[in-house]
Amino acid sequence: MNEHAPQHHRPNRLRGRRRGVAATVTAVAAAVVAGVLVPVAATAAPRPDAVQQRLDALVQKDGAPAALATVKGRDGRARTYTAGVGDAATRAKVPVDGQVRIGSDTKSFTAVVVLQLVAEGKVGLDASVDTYLPGLVRGDGIDGRNVTVRRLLQHTSGLPDYMNPAGVLADPARYAEPRELLDAALTKKAHFAPGAQWEYSNTNYLLAGMIVQKVTGRPIGEEITKRVVDRIGLRHTYFPVPGDMTIREAHPKGYQRAADGSLRDYTELDPSWGWAAGAMISTNTDVTRFYDALLGGRLLPAAQLAQMRTTVPAEELGAGVRYGLGLVSRPLSCGGLSWGHGGAIPGYENAGGTTDDGRSVNITVTAFPGNDDTVAHLDQAVDEALCR
């Protein structure tokens, strides 16, 4: 909601994460992974190391009030890190592995549920949106009969983004219904013909969530909880119920840094405008466990996981970056790829990655939109943590 989520498309961060809840304020619009998962106990790092130094720099040089990270190395041990303060006013400590809003990492959870329904024969990847939501998706150059479920999950639909970053920042407590958000998108013209190119749009995952609800008859949050969160034991991860503006467990406060350098507290907001594209709350450790489980084949059958990992170029997210079905691949400086997503939402921005051999990292800063260099520095920190 980006997990960049609005514009930096990190995945826009709500536009995925990158430039995410859309790129500052455009960053708020484009900024809004068989078996049993065995939890790995997280232990505090005994002394400053390269990861700690990176987090310290995100606070001292990039101006983030706090930075938090979980890193699981080649030895299989998870280590947690913190830097800065959890409350800019009281200077309270940063809760170790505190809960944060994860923005567009929500898209990966939504994509997993859709692909589980594909495996169950209830959804067809190459079926049209109209198959499940007949007559709903119509507009200037927009026709749900020509947009497939795959195109939604892959961001190749051409559908315009529904995000209104200025409105979100001005009234973060406002509740929005999914249909209201869709109607806002349908007032705009299609950006291109389905399949013609790649472009991050939160509208794709809004529709994916609506399809899940139509097919299952249950709220998307309940389906994510049953099919993903409870299945792999993510004890600190949840999809907020309507009207819940809080973060339930210990957490650092989240801020937006204004042009004059002051901080505005966005810790409490109504994430309904992020919904299936960016509403979820988790911890860095739970996020790494999710992607470990996903890539390890504990959430999807092999055929659907292979579809999820089939990617197209998404260079606007960075050199060599590719996008699958709710899953991003990124080249590592030490060779190979990391897989994940990332996200951003007013107050929080996160980046991470998981490798096929089990290394994982997720890092969160508590200011978004923030310093324009922060995205690059987060990516560098993730790469260094995975390559050390």
Protein backbone atom coordinates (compact mmCIF):
# COMPACT_ATOMS: atom_id res chain seq x y z
CA MET A 1 0.00 0.00 0.00
CA ASN A 2 3.56 -0.58 -2.59
CA GLU A 3 4.40 -2.73 -0.17
CA HIS A 4 6.55 0.21 -2.68
CA ALA A 5 2.42 0.64 -2.19
CA PRO A 6 1.99 5.31 -4.01
CA GLN A 7 5.14 6.12 -6.46
CA HIS A 8 8.29 5.29 -6.30
CA HIS A 9 6.68 2.13 -7.46
CA ARG A 10 8.63 0.02 -5.26
CA PRO A 11 6.06 -1.77 -6.01
CA ASN A 12 4.81 1.72 -5.55
CA ARG A 13 4.95 0.82 -2.27
CA LEU A 14 1.21 1.02 -1.77
CA ARG A 15 2.18 0.98 -5.09
CA GLY A 16 4.33 -1.82 -3.96
CA ARG A 17 6.93 -0.49 -1.94
CA ARG A 18 9.07 1.47 -4.17
CA ARG A 19 8.09 4.87 -4.68
CA GLY A 20 5.25 3.47 -2.98
CA VAL A 21 2.03 4.74 -1.33
CA ALA A 22 3.13 6.67 -4.77
CA ALA A 23 6.55 8.64 -4.67
CA THR A 24 6.23 11.11 -1.70
CA VAL A 25 2.63 11.80 -2.13
CA THR A 26 2.59 10.11 -5.44
CA ALA A 27 4.30 7.63 -3.32
CA VAL A 28 1.09 7.19 -1.34
CA ALA A 29 -0.86 6.16 -4.37
CA ALA A 30 1.07 3.97 -6.44
CA ALA A 31 1.93 4.87 -2.50
CA VAL A 32 -1.18 2.44 -0.56
CA VAL A 33 5.60 -17.79 0.68
CA ALA A 34 3.50 -28.90 2.39
CA GLY A 35 4.96 -29.38 5.51
CA VAL A 36 5.16 -27.47 8.71
CA LEU A 37 6.89 -24.14 9.16
CA VAL A 38 9.18 -24.38 12.17
CA PRO A 39 9.59 -20.97 13.81
CA VAL A 40 13.18 -19.89 14.37
CA ALA A 41 13.80 -18.05 17.62
CA ALA A 42 14.99 -14.49 16.97
CA THR A 43 17.96 -13.39 19.04
CA ALA A 44 19.34 -9.89 19.43
CA ALA A 45 22.62 -9.28 17.65
CA PRO A 46 25.42 -9.21 20.26
CA ARG A 47 27.38 -6.35 18.72
CA PRO A 48 27.18 -3.83 15.88
CA ASP A 49 27.80 -5.37 12.48
CA ALA A 50 27.15 -4.42 8.87
CA VAL A 51 23.36 -4.68 9.29
CA GLN A 52 23.41 -2.57 12.45
CA GLN A 53 25.57 0.01 10.73
CA ARG A 54 23.12 0.18 7.85
CA LEU A 55 20.18 0.69 10.23
CA ASP A 56 22.10 3.37 12.13
CA ALA A 57 22.72 5.17 8.83
CA LEU A 58 19.01 5.02 7.91
CA VAL A 59 18.33 6.88 11.15
CA GLN A 60 21.28 9.25 11.25
CA LYS A 61 21.63 10.08 7.55
CA ASP A 62 18.20 9.39 6.05
CA GLY A 63 16.29 10.83 8.99
CA ALA A 64 14.08 7.85 9.80
CA PRO A 65 12.97 8.01 13.46
CA ALA A 66 13.51 4.24 13.71
CA ALA A 67 14.73 1.29 11.70
CA LEU A 68 14.05 -2.36 12.49
CA ALA A 69 15.30 -5.55 10.83
CA THR A 70 15.21 -9.32 10.99
CA VAL A 71 17.96 -11.24 9.22
CA LYS A 72 18.16 -15.04 8.83
CA GLY A 73 21.55 -16.13 7.58
CA ARG A 74 23.06 -19.25 6.12
CA ASP A 75 23.23 -20.77 9.63
CA GLY A 76 19.42 -20.65 9.89
CA ARG A 77 19.46 -18.32 12.89
CA ALA A 78 17.24 -15.23 12.89
CA ARG A 79 18.68 -12.06 14.39
CA THR A 80 16.77 -8.87 15.13
CA TYR A 81 18.09 -5.32 15.06
CA THR A 82 16.81 -1.87 15.99
CA ALA A 83 18.05 1.69 15.63
CA GLY A 84 16.64 5.09 16.57
CA VAL A 85 13.59 5.72 18.75
CA GLY A 86 10.13 4.21 18.74
CA ASP A 87 8.45 7.50 19.62
CA ALA A 88 9.90 10.76 18.34
CA ALA A 89 8.24 12.75 21.13
CA THR A 90 9.02 10.61 24.19
CA ARG A 91 12.22 9.05 22.81
CA ALA A 92 10.95 5.63 23.91
CA LYS A 93 12.94 2.62 22.76
CA VAL A 94 12.09 0.80 19.55
CA PRO A 95 10.25 -2.43 20.39
CA VAL A 96 12.35 -5.38 19.29
CA ASP A 97 10.62 -6.92 16.26
CA GLY A 98 7.70 -4.54 16.76
CA GLN A 99 4.57 -4.69 14.63
CA VAL A 100 4.41 -2.37 11.63
CA ARG A 101 2.12 -1.75 8.68
CA ILE A 102 3.55 -3.73 5.75
CA GLY A 103 1.78 -1.97 2.86
CA SER A 104 2.10 -3.79 -0.44
CA ASP A 105 3.58 -6.96 1.02
CA THR A 106 -0.16 -7.58 1.44
CA LYS A 107 -0.27 -8.20 -2.32
CA SER A 108 1.79 -11.36 -1.92
CA PHE A 109 -0.68 -12.70 0.66
CA THR A 110 -3.61 -11.90 -1.64
CA ALA A 111 -1.87 -13.53 -4.61
CA VAL A 112 -1.27 -16.71 -2.58
CA VAL A 113 -4.97 -16.97 -1.78
CA VAL A 114 -5.92 -16.49 -5.44
CA LEU A 115 -3.42 -19.15 -6.51
CA GLN A 116 -4.72 -21.56 -3.87
CA LEU A 117 -8.17 -21.09 -5.39
CA VAL A 118 -6.63 -21.78 -8.81
CA ALA A 119 -5.19 -25.03 -7.44
CA GLU A 120 -8.66 -25.93 -6.12
CA GLY A 121 -10.23 -25.35 -9.54
CA LYS A 122 -12.31 -22.43 -8.30
CA VAL A 123 -10.48 -19.69 -10.22
CA GLY A 124 -8.83 -19.79 -13.64
CA LEU A 125 -5.67 -17.77 -14.13
CA ASP A 126 -6.55 -17.09 -17.73
CA ALA A 127 -10.26 -16.58 -17.08
CA SER A 128 -11.55 -13.05 -17.45
CA VAL A 129 -12.45 -10.77 -14.59
CA ASP A 130 -15.99 -10.82 -15.98
CA THR A 131 -16.18 -14.55 -15.23
CA TYR A 132 -16.33 -13.68 -11.53
CA LEU A 133 -17.44 -10.03 -11.52
CA PRO A 134 -19.75 -9.82 -14.56
CA GLY A 135 -20.31 -6.34 -15.94
CA LEU A 136 -18.46 -4.64 -13.08
CA VAL A 137 -15.29 -3.53 -14.83
CA ARG A 138 -16.17 -1.10 -17.62
CA GLY A 139 -14.75 2.28 -18.57
CA ASP A 140 -12.83 4.26 -21.17
CA GLY A 141 -10.79 1.54 -22.87
CA ILE A 142 -11.60 -0.76 -19.95
CA ASP A 143 -13.50 -4.02 -20.33
CA GLY A 144 -13.42 -6.80 -17.73
CA ARG A 145 -14.09 -9.34 -20.49
CA ASN A 146 -10.58 -8.63 -21.82
CA VAL A 147 -8.66 -8.60 -18.52
CA THR A 148 -7.58 -11.95 -17.05
CA VAL A 149 -6.85 -12.88 -13.46
CA ARG A 150 -3.22 -13.44 -14.43
CA ARG A 151 -2.98 -9.88 -15.76
CA LEU A 152 -4.27 -8.56 -12.45
CA LEU A 153 -1.71 -10.44 -10.38
CA GLN A 154 1.08 -9.55 -12.82
CA HIS A 155 0.25 -5.82 -13.18
CA THR A 156 -0.13 -6.13 -16.93
CA SER A 157 -3.85 -5.26 -17.08
CA GLY A 158 -3.51 -1.61 -18.11
CA LEU A 159 -6.02 -0.61 -15.41
CA PRO A 160 -5.46 2.85 -13.90
CA ASP A 161 -4.68 3.17 -10.20
CA TYR A 162 -7.47 4.18 -7.84
CA MET A 163 -5.08 5.79 -5.34
CA ASN A 164 -5.68 9.37 -4.17
CA PRO A 165 -2.49 10.14 -2.22
CA ALA A 166 -3.40 13.68 -1.26
CA GLY A 167 -6.75 12.50 0.07
CA VAL A 168 -5.14 9.75 2.14
CA LEU A 169 -2.63 12.12 3.69
CA ALA A 170 -5.28 14.74 4.38
CA ASP A 171 -7.80 12.37 5.99
CA PRO A 172 -6.09 9.15 7.12
CA ALA A 173 -9.06 8.16 9.31
CA ARG A 174 -11.51 7.98 6.42
CA TYR A 175 -13.06 4.56 5.68
CA ALA A 176 -13.39 3.48 2.05
CA GLU A 177 -15.38 0.58 0.58
CA PRO A 178 -13.71 -1.52 -2.15
CA ARG A 179 -16.47 -0.62 -4.62
CA GLU A 180 -15.91 3.08 -3.96
CA LEU A 181 -12.20 2.65 -4.71
CA LEU A 182 -12.95 0.72 -7.91
CA ASP A 183 -15.38 3.38 -9.08
CA ALA A 184 -12.62 5.98 -8.64
CA ALA A 185 -10.32 3.95 -10.90
CA LEU A 186 -13.00 3.47 -13.55
CA THR A 187 -13.40 7.22 -14.02
CA LYS A 188 -9.95 7.15 -15.64
CA LYS A 189 -8.86 5.91 -19.04
CA ALA A 190 -7.05 2.57 -19.48
CA HIS A 191 -3.30 3.10 -19.66
CA PHE A 192 -2.71 0.40 -22.28
CA ALA A 193 -4.27 -2.75 -23.74
CA PRO A 194 -4.14 -5.80 -21.42
CA GLY A 195 -0.79 -7.55 -21.76
CA ALA A 196 0.87 -4.78 -23.75
CA GLN A 197 3.25 -3.75 -20.97
CA TRP A 198 3.87 -3.74 -17.21
CA GLU A 199 2.71 -1.00 -14.87
CA TYR A 200 2.07 -1.13 -11.14
CA SER A 201 -1.54 -0.45 -10.18
CA ASN A 202 -3.23 -1.09 -6.86
CA THR A 203 -6.51 -1.51 -8.73
CA ASN A 204 -5.30 -4.94 -9.88
CA TYR A 205 -5.21 -6.24 -6.31
CA LEU A 206 -8.42 -4.48 -5.38
CA LEU A 207 -10.09 -6.63 -8.04
CA ALA A 208 -8.17 -9.74 -6.96
CA GLY A 209 -9.57 -9.28 -3.45
CA MET A 210 -13.07 -8.82 -4.82
CA ILE A 211 -12.74 -12.04 -6.84
CA VAL A 212 -11.65 -13.95 -3.72
CA GLN A 213 -14.71 -12.68 -1.87
CA LYS A 214 -17.08 -13.52 -4.72
CA VAL A 215 -15.71 -17.06 -5.12
CA THR A 216 -15.43 -17.94 -1.42
CA GLY A 217 -18.32 -15.93 -0.02
CA ARG A 218 -16.01 -14.75 2.77
CA PRO A 219 -14.11 -11.47 3.44
CA ILE A 220 -10.62 -11.36 2.00
CA GLY A 221 -9.16 -10.81 5.46
CA GLU A 222 -10.74 -14.02 6.74
CA GLU A 223 -9.45 -15.99 3.76
CA ILE A 224 -5.91 -14.65 4.22
CA THR A 225 -6.07 -15.49 7.93
CA LYS A 226 -7.33 -19.06 7.39
CA ARG A 227 -5.31 -19.95 4.32
CA VAL A 228 -2.00 -18.25 5.13
CA VAL A 229 -1.60 -16.68 8.57
CA ASP A 230 -3.01 -19.54 10.66
CA ARG A 231 -1.69 -22.23 8.33
CA ILE A 232 1.95 -21.32 8.90
CA GLY A 233 1.61 -19.88 12.41
CA LEU A 234 2.26 -16.17 11.89
CA ARG A 235 1.33 -15.09 15.41
CA HIS A 236 1.94 -11.37 14.90
CA THR A 237 0.34 -10.88 11.48
CA TYR A 238 -3.23 -9.85 10.72
CA PHE A 239 -5.58 -8.16 8.30
CA PRO A 240 -7.31 -5.29 10.18
CA VAL A 241 -11.08 -5.55 10.50
CA PRO A 242 -13.15 -2.61 9.22
CA GLY A 243 -12.79 0.40 11.47
CA ASP A 244 -9.61 -0.76 13.23
CA MET A 245 -7.12 2.08 13.02
CA THR A 246 -4.72 0.78 15.63
CA ILE A 247 -1.70 -1.53 15.71
CA ARG A 248 -2.45 -4.20 18.31
CA GLU A 249 0.94 -5.13 19.73
CA ALA A 250 4.11 -3.25 20.70
CA HIS A 251 5.13 -1.07 17.76
CA PRO A 252 7.19 1.96 16.81
CA LYS A 253 5.20 4.97 15.75
CA GLY A 254 5.09 5.76 12.03
CA TYR A 255 5.58 9.23 10.57
CA GLN A 256 5.57 11.33 7.45
CA ARG A 257 8.35 13.91 7.23
CA ALA A 258 7.07 17.24 5.93
CA ALA A 259 8.98 19.61 3.66
CA ASP A 260 10.03 21.68 6.67
CA GLY A 261 11.51 18.61 8.36
CA SER A 262 8.76 18.18 10.93
CA LEU A 263 7.12 14.81 11.55
CA ARG A 264 3.42 14.02 11.30
CA ASP A 265 2.23 10.94 13.19
CA TYR A 266 0.44 8.44 10.92
CA THR A 267 0.58 5.49 13.29
CA GLU A 268 -3.19 5.30 13.55
CA LEU A 269 -5.01 5.35 10.23
CA ASP A 270 -7.79 3.49 8.50
CA PRO A 271 -6.07 1.11 6.05
CA SER A 272 -9.29 0.32 4.18
CA TRP A 273 -8.03 2.28 1.17
CA GLY A 274 -5.16 -0.23 0.97
CA TRP A 275 -7.43 -3.28 1.49
CA ALA A 276 -6.27 -6.36 -0.48
CA ALA A 277 -3.46 -4.26 -1.95
CA GLY A 278 -1.91 -2.97 1.27
CA ALA A 279 -3.80 -3.13 4.58
CA MET A 280 -1.91 -5.77 6.58
CA ILE A 281 0.11 -5.51 9.80
CA SER A 282 3.01 -7.80 10.72
CA THR A 283 6.56 -7.92 12.06
CA ASN A 284 9.82 -8.22 10.16
CA THR A 285 10.27 -11.75 11.51
CA ASP A 286 6.79 -12.87 10.44
CA VAL A 287 7.32 -11.39 6.98
CA THR A 288 10.54 -13.38 6.53
CA ARG A 289 8.73 -16.54 7.74
CA PHE A 290 5.96 -15.95 5.23
CA TYR A 291 8.34 -15.73 2.27
CA ASP A 292 10.38 -18.68 3.58
CA ALA A 293 7.17 -20.74 3.69
CA LEU A 294 6.03 -19.56 0.27
CA LEU A 295 9.31 -20.25 -1.51
CA GLY A 296 9.67 -23.51 0.39
CA GLY A 297 6.46 -24.83 -1.12
CA ARG A 298 4.43 -24.84 2.08
CA LEU A 299 1.65 -22.58 0.81
CA LEU A 300 1.19 -23.52 -2.84
CA PRO A 301 1.41 -26.66 -4.96
CA ALA A 302 4.47 -26.76 -7.23
CA ALA A 303 2.50 -25.81 -10.35
CA GLN A 304 1.04 -22.65 -8.82
CA LEU A 305 4.34 -21.64 -7.20
CA ALA A 306 5.99 -21.97 -10.61
CA GLN A 307 3.33 -19.66 -12.08
CA MET A 308 3.92 -17.18 -9.27
CA ARG A 309 7.66 -17.17 -10.03
CA THR A 310 7.18 -16.67 -13.79
CA THR A 311 8.15 -13.04 -14.24
CA VAL A 312 8.10 -10.14 -16.67
CA PRO A 313 10.45 -7.14 -16.71
CA ALA A 314 9.59 -4.43 -14.16
CA GLU A 315 12.51 -2.08 -14.66
CA GLU A 316 10.73 0.87 -13.08
CA LEU A 317 11.37 -0.90 -9.77
CA GLY A 318 15.08 -1.09 -10.45
CA ALA A 319 17.68 -2.53 -12.82
CA GLY A 320 17.06 -6.21 -13.46
CA VAL A 321 13.88 -6.32 -11.36
CA ARG A 322 11.08 -8.60 -12.57
CA TYR A 323 7.51 -9.14 -11.39
CA GLY A 324 5.68 -12.46 -11.18
CA LEU A 325 2.23 -13.00 -9.68
CA GLY A 326 2.47 -10.90 -6.53
CA LEU A 327 6.16 -11.71 -6.21
CA VAL A 328 9.22 -9.62 -7.13
CA SER A 329 12.66 -10.95 -8.10
CA ARG A 330 15.74 -8.78 -7.67
CA PRO A 331 19.32 -9.53 -8.71
CA LEU A 332 21.86 -9.68 -5.87
CA SER A 333 25.35 -8.17 -6.05
CA CYS A 334 26.78 -11.53 -4.98
CA GLY A 335 24.89 -13.39 -7.70
CA GLY A 336 21.51 -15.04 -7.83
CA LEU A 337 18.15 -13.54 -6.95
CA SER A 338 16.15 -12.50 -3.94
CA TRP A 339 12.38 -12.94 -3.91
CA GLY A 340 9.78 -10.91 -2.02
CA HIS A 341 7.80 -7.75 -2.52
CA GLY A 342 8.14 -4.81 -0.13
CA GLY A 343 5.65 -2.16 0.76
CA ALA A 344 4.92 1.33 1.99
CA ILE A 345 2.05 3.16 3.58
CA PRO A 346 2.04 6.54 5.34
CA GLY A 347 4.31 6.07 8.36
CA TYR A 348 6.15 2.90 7.34
CA GLU A 349 8.29 1.59 4.51
CA ASN A 350 9.83 -1.85 4.26
CA ALA A 351 12.10 -3.82 1.97
CA GLY A 352 13.24 -7.40 2.05
CA GLY A 353 14.15 -10.53 0.20
CA THR A 354 14.45 -14.30 0.53
CA THR A 355 16.76 -16.58 -1.41
CA ASP A 356 16.13 -20.13 -2.57
CA ASP A 357 18.78 -21.39 -0.14
CA GLY A 358 16.93 -19.90 2.86
CA ARG A 359 18.59 -16.56 3.56
CA SER A 360 16.03 -13.89 4.48
CA VAL A 361 15.89 -10.27 5.50
CA ASN A 362 13.21 -7.67 6.08
CA ILE A 363 13.90 -4.06 7.07
CA THR A 364 11.41 -1.34 8.05
CA VAL A 365 11.84 2.38 8.55
CA THR A 366 9.24 4.48 10.35
CA ALA A 367 8.90 7.41 8.00
CA PHE A 368 7.09 7.38 4.69
CA PRO A 369 7.07 9.30 2.48
CA GLY A 370 10.60 10.21 3.57
CA ASN A 371 14.01 10.97 2.15
CA ASP A 372 14.13 10.18 -1.59
CA ASP A 373 17.40 8.30 -1.07
CA THR A 374 15.87 5.98 1.51
CA VAL A 375 14.55 3.52 -1.09
CA ALA A 376 18.01 3.01 -2.55
CA HIS A 377 19.56 2.74 0.91
CA LEU A 378 16.97 0.16 1.97
CA ASP A 379 17.70 -1.90 -1.13
CA GLN A 380 21.43 -1.66 -0.46
CA ALA A 381 20.92 -2.78 3.14
CA VAL A 382 18.87 -5.78 2.01
CA ASP A 383 21.46 -6.75 -0.61
CA GLU A 384 24.31 -6.47 1.88
CA ALA A 385 22.48 -8.51 4.51
CA LEU A 386 21.77 -11.30 2.01
CA CYS A 387 25.27 -11.27 0.52
CA ARG A 388 27.40 -11.10 3.67
